[in-house]
C-alpha cells in the first residue's frame, strides 16, 4: 500500500491491527483461525494491560464504542470471549483498512445502542447498591449510637444516685455532730454546778462500802 493511500486510515484501526499482529498479546487478543474476525479473551485484563500501551486509557467501554462507530459486529461467545468482525478488517489484508469508515455522529448501530443501555443500567444498579450499603451503614450506626446512649444514661444515673446517697449521708453525719456538740455546749453553760454535783454524788455513792443486813 502506498503512503498516500494510508493517510485515510484511522489511527484507531491501525493500532488495533497492530495489537493483533503482536504475538505476546495472543492470550488476550487474537485473530480467529480463518482470519476473518478477532477475539478479546479477557476484557478486564485487556483493558488494564493492553489499552494503556496503545490508547493511553483503560476504558474497555470506550474501545467498544470505537469499534461500533466503525461498524464492527460484536458477538458474545459462550466461553466469555468477545468476537468482533468487519468485512474489511482481516488478517494479512491491511490494505483493506482504507475502506473502513467511521459513521457520522448522528448514526448509531443497534449494537452500540444496546451497549449504551446496558452500561447505563449497570451504572444505575451500582448506584442503587451503593445507596443500599449506605442505608445499612446508617441503620447500623444509629443502632450503635442508641445503645451507647442507653449505657451512658444508665451509668450517669448510677453515678448520680451514688453521689446523692453520699451527700445525704454526709448531711446526716454533719447534723448529728452539730446536735451533739450543741447539747454538750448547752449543758456546760446552763448548769455547770448541777452537772458537777451529780458527778460528785455519783462518785461518793460508788466509794461507800456496801452494808450487810441480817434478818432475825
Protein backbone atom coordinates (compact mmCIF):
# COMPACT_ATOMS: atom_id res chain seq x y z
CA UNK A 1 0.00 0.00 0.00
CA UNK A 2 1.34 3.46 -0.81
CA UNK A 3 1.80 6.06 1.90
CA UNK A 4 -0.67 8.25 0.05
CA UNK A 5 -3.46 5.73 0.48
CA UNK A 6 -2.64 5.07 4.15
CA UNK A 7 -3.35 8.68 5.05
CA UNK A 8 -7.08 7.87 5.08
CA UNK A 9 -6.73 5.01 7.60
CA UNK A 10 -7.80 5.93 11.12
CA UNK A 11 -5.25 5.74 13.90
CA UNK A 12 -7.66 3.58 15.93
CA UNK A 13 -7.79 0.92 13.19
CA UNK A 14 -4.02 0.85 12.76
CA UNK A 15 -3.40 0.48 16.49
CA UNK A 16 -5.99 -2.30 16.77
CA UNK A 17 -4.43 -4.10 13.80
CA UNK A 18 -1.04 -3.70 15.48
CA UNK A 19 -2.35 -5.33 18.64
CA UNK A 20 -3.49 -8.37 16.70
CA UNK A 21 -0.11 -8.69 14.99
CA UNK A 22 1.73 -8.73 18.33
CA UNK A 23 2.40 -12.39 19.29
CA UNK A 24 2.90 -11.70 23.01
CA UNK A 25 -0.72 -10.47 23.27
CA UNK A 26 -2.33 -13.62 21.87
CA UNK A 27 -3.52 -14.70 25.30
CA UNK A 28 -5.69 -11.54 25.39
CA UNK A 29 -6.46 -10.55 21.79
CA UNK A 30 -6.08 -12.81 18.73
CA UNK A 31 -7.24 -13.42 15.17
CA UNK A 32 -9.64 -16.27 14.54
CA UNK A 33 -8.15 -19.28 12.67
CA UNK A 34 -9.71 -18.09 9.41
CA UNK A 35 -8.53 -14.50 9.96
CA UNK A 36 -11.97 -13.07 9.22
CA UNK A 37 -12.58 -11.86 12.79
CA UNK A 38 -10.75 -11.43 16.08
CA UNK A 39 -11.33 -12.25 19.75
CA UNK A 40 -10.79 -10.41 23.02
CA UNK A 41 -10.47 -13.18 25.56
CA UNK A 42 -10.36 -11.35 28.90
CA UNK A 43 -11.90 -7.88 28.77
CA UNK A 44 -10.71 -6.74 32.19
CA UNK A 45 -7.12 -7.82 31.74
CA UNK A 46 -7.14 -6.50 28.18
CA UNK A 47 -8.32 -3.09 29.42
CA UNK A 48 -5.75 -2.92 32.21
CA UNK A 49 -2.68 -4.23 30.36
CA UNK A 50 -3.15 -3.64 26.62
CA UNK A 51 -5.22 -0.49 26.16
CA UNK A 52 -2.81 1.78 28.08
CA UNK A 53 0.01 0.73 25.72
CA UNK A 54 -1.90 1.69 22.56
CA UNK A 55 -4.55 4.26 23.57
CA UNK A 56 -3.39 5.67 26.93
CA UNK A 57 -6.58 4.71 28.76
CA UNK A 58 -8.12 1.65 30.43
CA UNK A 59 -11.74 2.12 29.39
CA UNK A 60 -12.97 -1.04 27.66
CA UNK A 61 -16.39 0.50 27.00
CA UNK A 62 -14.72 3.35 25.13
CA UNK A 63 -12.85 0.81 22.99
CA UNK A 64 -16.16 -0.95 22.26
CA UNK A 65 -17.80 2.32 21.22
CA UNK A 66 -14.98 2.98 18.79
CA UNK A 67 -15.46 -0.45 17.20
CA UNK A 68 -19.19 0.19 16.95
CA UNK A 69 -18.58 3.55 15.28
CA UNK A 70 -16.58 1.70 12.60
CA UNK A 71 -19.43 -0.79 12.15
CA UNK A 72 -17.74 -3.82 13.72
CA UNK A 73 -20.21 -6.53 14.64
CA UNK A 74 -19.82 -7.79 18.18
CA UNK A 75 -20.82 -11.21 19.44
CA UNK A 76 -20.54 -12.64 22.92
CA UNK A 77 -19.33 -16.25 22.85
CA UNK A 78 -20.24 -18.97 25.34
CA UNK A 79 -16.69 -19.16 26.66
CA UNK A 80 -16.89 -15.50 27.68
CA UNK A 81 -14.84 -14.13 24.80
CA UNK A 82 -15.90 -11.09 22.76
CA UNK A 83 -15.86 -11.63 18.99
CA UNK A 84 -15.60 -8.76 16.50
CA UNK A 85 -15.98 -8.82 12.74
CA UNK A 86 -15.84 -6.36 9.83
CA UNK A 87 -15.78 -7.25 6.15
CA UNK A 88 -12.76 -5.03 5.55
CA UNK A 89 -10.85 -5.88 8.72
CA UNK A 90 -8.98 -9.13 8.05
CA UNK A 91 -5.66 -10.71 8.88
CA UNK A 92 -2.90 -10.07 6.30
CA UNK A 93 -5.19 -7.63 4.49
CA UNK A 94 -4.09 -4.32 5.90
CA UNK A 95 -4.71 -2.68 2.55
CA UNK A 96 -8.46 -3.12 3.10
CA UNK A 97 -8.45 -0.80 6.11
CA UNK A 98 -8.85 2.15 3.74
CA UNK A 99 -12.45 1.01 3.23
CA UNK A 100 -13.32 1.03 6.95
CA UNK A 101 -15.09 4.33 7.63
CA UNK A 102 -16.38 5.91 10.78
CA UNK A 103 -20.11 6.62 10.91
CA UNK A 104 -21.35 10.16 11.37
CA UNK A 105 -22.22 11.29 14.91
CA UNK A 106 -25.91 11.16 14.14
CA UNK A 107 -25.85 7.45 13.38
CA UNK A 108 -25.86 4.73 15.97
CA UNK A 109 -25.96 0.99 15.43
CA UNK A 110 -28.26 -1.32 17.32
CA UNK A 111 -25.20 -2.90 18.90
CA UNK A 112 -23.92 0.43 20.18
CA UNK A 113 -27.34 1.46 21.44
CA UNK A 114 -27.69 -1.85 23.26
CA UNK A 115 -24.21 -1.44 24.77
CA UNK A 116 -25.01 2.06 25.97
CA UNK A 117 -28.26 0.88 27.51
CA UNK A 118 -26.54 -1.99 29.27
CA UNK A 119 -23.85 0.33 30.58
CA UNK A 120 -26.49 2.80 31.81
CA UNK A 121 -28.44 0.02 33.56
CA UNK A 122 -25.23 -1.29 35.12
CA UNK A 123 -24.35 2.15 36.47
CA UNK A 124 -27.85 2.58 37.90
CA UNK A 125 -27.65 -0.82 39.58
CA UNK A 126 -24.26 0.06 41.05
CA UNK A 127 -25.61 3.36 42.35
CA UNK A 128 -28.64 1.63 43.90
CA UNK A 129 -26.35 -0.91 45.52
CA UNK A 130 -24.18 1.86 46.95
CA UNK A 131 -27.28 3.61 48.30
CA UNK A 132 -28.39 0.35 49.91
CA UNK A 133 -24.97 -0.08 51.53
CA UNK A 134 -25.12 3.49 52.83
CA UNK A 135 -28.60 2.93 54.25
CA UNK A 136 -27.43 -0.22 56.01
CA UNK A 137 -24.45 1.65 57.43
CA UNK A 138 -26.70 4.45 58.67
CA UNK A 139 -29.09 1.99 60.35
CA UNK A 140 -26.20 0.11 61.99
CA UNK A 141 -24.53 3.32 63.14
CA UNK A 142 -27.81 4.65 64.56
CA UNK A 143 -28.35 1.40 66.47
CA UNK A 144 -24.85 1.50 67.93
CA UNK A 145 -25.24 5.15 68.92
CA UNK A 146 -28.56 4.40 70.61
CA UNK A 147 -27.04 1.53 72.58
CA UNK A 148 -24.13 3.72 73.65
CA UNK A 149 -26.58 6.44 74.68
CA UNK A 150 -28.56 4.00 76.84
CA UNK A 151 -25.37 2.76 78.51
CA UNK A 152 -24.17 6.30 79.19
CA UNK A 153 -27.53 7.32 80.63
CA UNK A 154 -27.55 4.26 82.90
CA UNK A 155 -24.00 4.93 84.10
CA UNK A 156 -24.79 8.59 84.67
CA UNK A 157 -27.89 7.73 86.71
CA UNK A 158 -25.96 5.27 88.87
CA UNK A 159 -23.24 7.83 89.49
CA UNK A 160 -25.83 10.47 90.27
CA UNK A 161 -27.58 8.17 92.77
CA UNK A 162 -24.28 7.27 94.38
CA UNK A 163 -23.25 10.90 94.78
CA UNK A 164 -26.71 11.80 96.11
CA UNK A 165 -26.54 8.99 98.67
CA UNK A 166 -23.09 10.10 99.80
CA UNK A 167 -24.31 13.67 100.10
CA UNK A 168 -27.32 12.64 102.22
CA UNK A 169 -25.13 10.52 104.49
CA UNK A 170 -22.68 13.36 104.92
CA UNK A 171 -25.53 15.74 105.75
CA UNK A 172 -26.88 13.29 108.35
CA UNK A 173 -23.44 12.89 109.89
CA UNK A 174 -22.88 16.62 109.92
CA UNK A 175 -26.28 17.23 111.51
CA UNK A 176 -25.66 14.57 114.15
CA UNK A 177 -22.31 16.04 115.10
CA UNK A 178 -23.76 19.54 115.18
CA UNK A 179 -26.60 18.47 117.51
CA UNK A 180 -24.22 16.57 119.77
CA UNK A 181 -21.84 19.50 120.19
CA UNK A 182 -24.79 21.84 120.71
CA UNK A 183 -26.13 19.71 123.58
CA UNK A 184 -22.72 19.47 125.18
CA UNK A 185 -22.18 23.20 125.00
CA UNK A 186 -25.63 23.90 126.39
CA UNK A 187 -25.19 21.54 129.35
CA UNK A 188 -21.88 23.14 130.26
CA UNK A 189 -23.11 26.74 130.07
CA UNK A 190 -26.56 26.39 131.65
CA UNK A 191 -25.90 24.16 134.71
CA UNK A 192 -22.24 23.50 135.33
CA UNK A 193 -22.79 23.30 139.14
CA UNK A 194 -25.60 20.84 138.75
CA UNK A 195 -23.54 18.71 136.48
CA UNK A 196 -20.63 18.81 138.94
CA UNK A 197 -22.91 17.97 141.89
CA UNK A 198 -24.34 14.99 140.10
CA UNK A 199 -20.92 13.75 139.18
CA UNK A 200 -19.71 14.22 142.82
CA UNK A 201 -22.70 12.44 144.27
CA UNK A 202 -22.22 9.54 141.93
CA UNK A 203 -18.61 9.35 142.97
CA UNK A 204 -19.47 9.23 146.67
CA UNK A 205 -22.03 6.55 146.21
CA UNK A 206 -19.58 4.38 144.38
CA UNK A 207 -16.92 4.88 147.12
CA UNK A 208 -19.13 3.74 150.04
CA UNK A 209 -18.74 0.21 151.34
CA UNK A 210 -21.74 -2.00 150.92
CA UNK A 211 -23.85 -2.63 154.09
CA UNK A 212 -24.96 -6.06 155.22
CA UNK A 213 -28.44 -6.61 156.54
CA UNK A 214 -29.20 -9.59 158.83
CA UNK A 215 -32.68 -10.94 159.10
CA UNK A 216 -33.84 -12.08 162.63
